Protein backbone atom coordinates (compact mmCIF):
# COMPACT_ATOMS: atom_id res chain seq x y z
CA UNK A 1 3.37 114.40 -1.37
CA UNK A 2 2.96 111.89 -4.24
CA UNK A 3 2.17 113.14 -7.60
CA UNK A 4 -1.14 112.03 -8.74
CA UNK A 5 -1.48 110.31 -11.61
CA UNK A 6 -4.15 110.45 -14.29
CA UNK A 7 -5.07 107.91 -16.49
CA UNK A 8 -7.33 108.96 -19.97
CA UNK A 9 -9.08 107.24 -22.93
CA UNK A 10 -11.60 108.02 -25.22
CA UNK A 11 -14.96 106.08 -24.60
CA UNK A 12 -15.77 103.52 -26.58
CA UNK A 13 -19.56 104.29 -27.39
CA UNK A 14 -19.58 105.25 -30.86
CA UNK A 15 -22.14 107.63 -29.73
CA UNK A 16 -20.15 109.22 -27.13
CA UNK A 17 -16.30 108.68 -27.92
CA UNK A 18 -15.30 111.89 -25.45
CA UNK A 19 -12.06 111.90 -23.41
CA UNK A 20 -12.71 110.19 -19.70
CA UNK A 21 -9.92 110.65 -17.16
CA UNK A 22 -9.90 108.83 -13.81
CA UNK A 23 -6.72 108.35 -10.75
CA UNK A 24 -5.07 105.42 -11.88
CA UNK A 25 -6.09 102.78 -8.88
CA UNK A 26 -3.46 101.95 -6.49
CA UNK A 27 -3.47 98.70 -7.53
CA UNK A 28 -3.23 97.03 -10.79
CA UNK A 29 -6.35 95.10 -12.26
CA UNK A 30 -9.52 94.37 -14.17
CA UNK A 31 -12.52 96.92 -13.27
CA UNK A 32 -15.38 98.57 -14.67
CA UNK A 33 -14.95 101.68 -15.41
CA UNK A 34 -18.27 104.15 -16.59
CA UNK A 35 -17.96 107.04 -18.94
CA UNK A 36 -19.47 110.44 -16.89
CA UNK A 37 -20.73 111.20 -20.34
CA UNK A 38 -22.99 108.61 -21.57
CA UNK A 39 -22.80 106.25 -18.56
CA UNK A 40 -22.07 102.90 -21.32
CA UNK A 41 -19.86 100.83 -18.27
CA UNK A 42 -16.77 98.70 -19.56
CA UNK A 43 -14.38 96.87 -18.11
CA UNK A 44 -10.57 97.64 -18.36
CA UNK A 45 -7.70 95.82 -17.37
CA UNK A 46 -6.09 99.31 -15.29
CA UNK A 47 -2.40 99.65 -14.36
CA UNK A 48 -1.48 100.34 -11.00
CA UNK A 49 0.30 103.41 -9.59
CA UNK A 50 3.50 101.58 -8.67
CA UNK A 51 3.76 100.92 -12.45
CA UNK A 52 2.73 98.68 -15.10
CA UNK A 53 1.37 100.43 -18.91
CA UNK A 54 0.68 103.92 -18.94
CA UNK A 55 -2.75 103.54 -20.94
CA UNK A 56 -5.13 101.14 -19.90
CA UNK A 57 -6.30 97.86 -21.73
CA UNK A 58 -9.03 96.05 -22.51
CA UNK A 59 -8.99 92.50 -20.95
CA UNK A 60 -7.13 89.66 -23.14
CA UNK A 61 -10.71 87.91 -24.05
CA UNK A 62 -10.65 84.12 -23.13
CA UNK A 63 -9.93 81.94 -26.33
CA UNK A 64 -12.84 79.52 -27.94
CA UNK A 65 -12.67 76.48 -28.21
CA UNK A 66 -12.98 74.52 -31.04
CA UNK A 67 -14.47 70.97 -30.50
CA UNK A 68 -15.82 70.56 -33.89
CA UNK A 69 -13.40 67.67 -34.85
CA UNK A 70 -14.07 65.80 -31.52
CA UNK A 71 -16.13 62.17 -30.88
CA UNK A 72 -19.88 62.95 -30.96
CA UNK A 73 -20.91 62.43 -27.00
CA UNK A 74 -23.91 61.09 -26.19
CA UNK A 75 -26.71 63.06 -23.89
CA UNK A 76 -27.01 60.32 -20.56
CA UNK A 77 -30.78 60.75 -21.03
CA UNK A 78 -33.57 60.19 -23.24
CA UNK A 79 -35.39 62.96 -24.32
CA UNK A 80 -39.25 63.86 -24.53
CA UNK A 81 -41.10 65.09 -26.93
CA UNK A 82 -43.33 68.07 -26.20
CA UNK A 83 -40.49 68.47 -23.45
CA UNK A 84 -38.43 71.61 -22.72
CA UNK A 85 -35.48 69.81 -21.47
CA UNK A 86 -31.89 72.31 -21.14
CA UNK A 87 -27.98 70.82 -20.34
CA UNK A 88 -24.86 71.75 -20.75
CA UNK A 89 -22.30 71.51 -23.67
CA UNK A 90 -20.49 68.12 -22.15
CA UNK A 91 -17.68 69.67 -24.71
CA UNK A 92 -16.81 73.09 -23.31
CA UNK A 93 -19.42 72.81 -19.77
CA UNK A 94 -20.12 76.40 -20.88
CA UNK A 95 -22.66 76.39 -23.02
CA UNK A 96 -26.56 75.74 -22.07
CA UNK A 97 -28.46 74.04 -25.08
CA UNK A 98 -32.16 74.13 -24.93
CA UNK A 99 -34.09 71.96 -26.96
CA UNK A 100 -37.94 71.21 -27.42
CA UNK A 101 -38.36 68.56 -29.65
CA UNK A 102 -41.49 67.06 -31.33
CA UNK A 103 -43.04 63.93 -32.85
CA UNK A 104 -41.32 64.63 -35.83
CA UNK A 105 -37.94 64.42 -34.45
CA UNK A 106 -37.71 60.48 -33.15
CA UNK A 107 -35.65 59.15 -32.53
CA UNK A 108 -31.00 58.97 -32.56
CA UNK A 109 -30.32 62.89 -33.27
CA UNK A 110 -26.82 65.13 -33.29
CA UNK A 111 -27.12 68.83 -32.39
CA UNK A 112 -24.24 71.00 -31.74
CA UNK A 113 -22.72 73.25 -29.32
CA UNK A 114 -23.35 77.07 -30.92
CA UNK A 115 -20.19 77.62 -28.37
CA UNK A 116 -17.09 75.09 -29.35
CA UNK A 117 -19.10 73.49 -32.18
CA UNK A 118 -18.78 69.89 -30.36
CA UNK A 119 -21.05 67.32 -31.22
CA UNK A 120 -24.10 65.83 -28.64
CA UNK A 121 -25.67 63.03 -29.42
CA UNK A 122 -29.51 63.04 -27.89
CA UNK A 123 -32.58 60.07 -28.70
CA UNK A 124 -35.81 61.78 -28.80
CA UNK A 125 -39.01 59.30 -27.93
CA UNK A 126 -42.40 58.94 -26.92
CA UNK A 127 -43.42 59.56 -23.24
CA UNK A 128 -43.57 55.93 -21.83
CA UNK A 129 -47.53 54.36 -22.01
CA UNK A 130 -47.63 52.52 -18.23
CA UNK A 131 -50.41 49.91 -19.00
CA UNK A 132 -52.93 49.08 -16.64
CA UNK A 133 -53.01 45.19 -16.17
CA UNK A 134 -55.94 44.76 -14.15
CA UNK A 135 -57.92 46.18 -17.50
CA UNK A 136 -55.80 43.81 -19.81
CA UNK A 137 -57.05 40.96 -17.35
CA UNK A 138 -60.59 41.55 -18.82
CA UNK A 139 -61.61 39.04 -21.75
CA UNK A 140 -61.84 41.38 -24.39
CA UNK A 141 -64.47 40.83 -27.62
CA UNK A 142 -64.39 42.32 -30.56
CA UNK A 143 -66.09 43.82 -33.21
CA UNK A 144 -66.43 43.65 -36.78
CA UNK A 145 -68.80 44.92 -39.85
CA UNK A 146 -69.80 42.32 -42.28
CA UNK A 147 -71.03 44.47 -45.75
CA UNK A 148 -74.37 42.34 -46.82
CA UNK A 149 -74.25 42.62 -50.76
CA UNK A 150 -75.50 40.13 -53.63
CA UNK A 151 -72.78 37.54 -54.10
CA UNK A 152 -70.52 39.47 -51.46
CA UNK A 153 -69.78 39.48 -47.49
CA UNK A 154 -66.85 41.33 -46.66
CA UNK A 155 -65.83 41.34 -43.19
CA UNK A 156 -63.90 45.05 -41.89
CA UNK A 157 -62.44 44.26 -38.20
CA UNK A 158 -62.61 47.68 -35.73
CA UNK A 159 -59.36 48.93 -34.62
CA UNK A 160 -59.47 49.56 -30.81
CA UNK A 161 -60.39 53.64 -31.39
CA UNK A 162 -61.69 55.50 -33.55
CA UNK A 163 -63.00 53.66 -36.82
CA UNK A 164 -64.42 56.33 -39.91
CA UNK A 165 -66.81 54.93 -42.04
CA UNK A 166 -67.29 56.27 -45.44
CA UNK A 167 -67.39 56.20 -49.20
CA UNK A 168 -64.18 55.47 -51.17
CA UNK A 169 -61.69 58.53 -51.78
CA UNK A 170 -58.40 58.33 -52.63
CA UNK A 171 -58.25 62.46 -51.37
CA UNK A 172 -58.94 61.66 -48.33
CA UNK A 173 -59.59 57.78 -47.38
CA UNK A 174 -61.83 56.45 -44.67
CA UNK A 175 -60.73 53.45 -42.27
CA UNK A 176 -63.51 51.36 -43.97
CA UNK A 177 -64.21 52.56 -47.39
CA UNK A 178 -67.24 51.77 -49.15
CA UNK A 179 -67.08 51.29 -53.50
CA UNK A 180 -69.21 51.17 -55.74
CA UNK A 181 -71.98 53.37 -54.04
CA UNK A 182 -72.03 57.20 -54.70
CA UNK A 183 -75.19 57.26 -51.95
CA UNK A 184 -72.53 57.23 -49.25
CA UNK A 185 -70.75 60.20 -47.71
CA UNK A 186 -67.35 59.88 -47.05
CA UNK A 187 -67.11 60.53 -43.37
CA UNK A 188 -70.14 59.23 -42.98
CA UNK A 189 -70.32 57.57 -39.23
CA UNK A 190 -67.60 56.90 -36.68
CA UNK A 191 -67.25 53.33 -34.75
CA UNK A 192 -65.06 54.68 -30.84
CA UNK A 193 -63.76 51.07 -30.14
CA UNK A 194 -63.14 51.55 -25.51
CA UNK A 195 -62.44 49.37 -23.72
CA UNK A 196 -63.64 49.43 -20.08
CA UNK A 197 -63.82 47.18 -16.51
CA UNK A 198 -66.62 45.57 -17.87
CA UNK A 199 -64.91 44.84 -21.74
CA UNK A 200 -64.84 46.42 -25.16
CA UNK A 201 -67.65 49.11 -26.14
CA UNK A 202 -68.75 50.18 -29.75
CA UNK A 203 -70.23 53.33 -29.95
CA UNK A 204 -71.63 54.63 -33.20
CA UNK A 205 -71.97 58.19 -33.88
CA UNK A 206 -72.95 59.90 -37.66
CA UNK A 207 -70.82 62.09 -38.73
CA UNK A 208 -71.82 63.95 -42.20
CA UNK A 209 -74.69 62.13 -44.00
CA UNK A 210 -76.53 63.43 -47.46
CA UNK A 211 -78.65 60.37 -47.02
CA UNK A 212 -79.93 59.04 -43.84
CA UNK A 213 -78.09 56.90 -41.76
CA UNK A 214 -80.91 53.28 -40.81
CA UNK A 215 -79.35 51.99 -37.46
CA UNK A 216 -82.13 48.85 -37.55
CA UNK A 217 -84.43 50.46 -39.89
CA UNK A 218 -84.77 53.67 -37.11
CA UNK A 219 -82.76 56.41 -38.82
CA UNK A 220 -80.02 58.60 -37.40
CA UNK A 221 -79.84 62.05 -36.92
CA UNK A 222 -76.31 64.15 -37.85
CA UNK A 223 -74.55 64.05 -34.37
CA UNK A 224 -76.18 61.29 -33.02
CA UNK A 225 -74.71 58.38 -30.71
CA UNK A 226 -75.72 55.16 -29.94
CA UNK A 227 -74.00 51.75 -28.65
CA UNK A 228 -73.92 48.31 -30.62
CA UNK A 229 -75.33 45.07 -29.95
CA UNK A 230 -74.18 42.27 -31.67
CA UNK A 231 -76.51 41.58 -34.25
CA UNK A 232 -77.59 45.28 -35.14
CA UNK A 233 -77.58 46.55 -39.14
CA UNK A 234 -76.80 49.50 -40.17
CA UNK A 235 -77.08 51.42 -43.86
CA UNK A 236 -75.11 53.57 -45.05
CA UNK A 237 -77.03 54.90 -48.49
CA UNK A 238 -77.55 51.58 -50.59
CA UNK A 239 -74.92 49.97 -48.30
CA UNK A 240 -75.63 47.71 -45.39
CA UNK A 241 -73.57 46.61 -42.98
CA UNK A 242 -74.79 43.80 -40.16
CA UNK A 243 -72.33 44.17 -36.63
CA UNK A 244 -70.88 40.80 -35.86
CA UNK A 245 -68.37 39.45 -32.80
CA UNK A 246 -65.06 39.46 -34.86
CA UNK A 247 -63.41 35.82 -32.70
C-alpha cells in the first residue's frame, strides 16, 4: 500500500492561523481548501501524489493590464441623462463600467476604467423630443403684454411655457420685470402659454401679490386663474398692461 502523503500549512485567516492538514490529491491543480477550524476557504495550487512541490501554493494572480497609455476608445452609443448605463471596458473587456449622467454632464466626456486605466470617451445628451407635426401645422397666434405708462409704451412678448411678471429685483429676476413701481410684488403673476389643437392659450395665475391684481378692473385672489383674451387689461400695483396680439 502506498504511503499516505499529508500536506500542511497554517490557515491564512489572521484571526485563525491554525495548522491545516489534509491528504495530497491524486492530480496537481487548483483546489478550494477550507479550514476546519474557522471555515475560511481559499483557492490553493496543490501538488499531486505523483510528485512536484511539497507544499501548497497560491495560484498566480493574473497580471492587471495597464492601458493608460493607449488612445481613447469612443463608446459607440450616446448616453442619455437620468438613466443608468452599464457596459464593459473596450480596452480590457473585463471591467464593467456603470454611469448615471445628469443634465450637468451633457456633452463629450472621458471616463477611466478602474481596472486597466484605459480611457473611454462617452457622449451624453438629453432624450430626443418627438414633435407632433399635426400640432406644428396649426396656425399659432402669439401674444404680448404692452406696458401702458405716460410717455411709455413698452412691449413684452410672451414666450411658450411660463412667463413670470413681477418687480425688478436683481437677486430674484422675473421673466418680465417692472421697474420704478414698488407696489408690484417680486413674483406677482404667471402667464402660461400652451399650444393646443385649437392654437395657443394664455392662462394668468396670481402667485403672490401684496396689492390687488386687477383683471379688466376686477380683483383676482392669490391662486386664482383666468384665460386671457386679446384686449384685456391687467393692473399690478400702479402698473397697467394690455394683452395684445404679437404679429
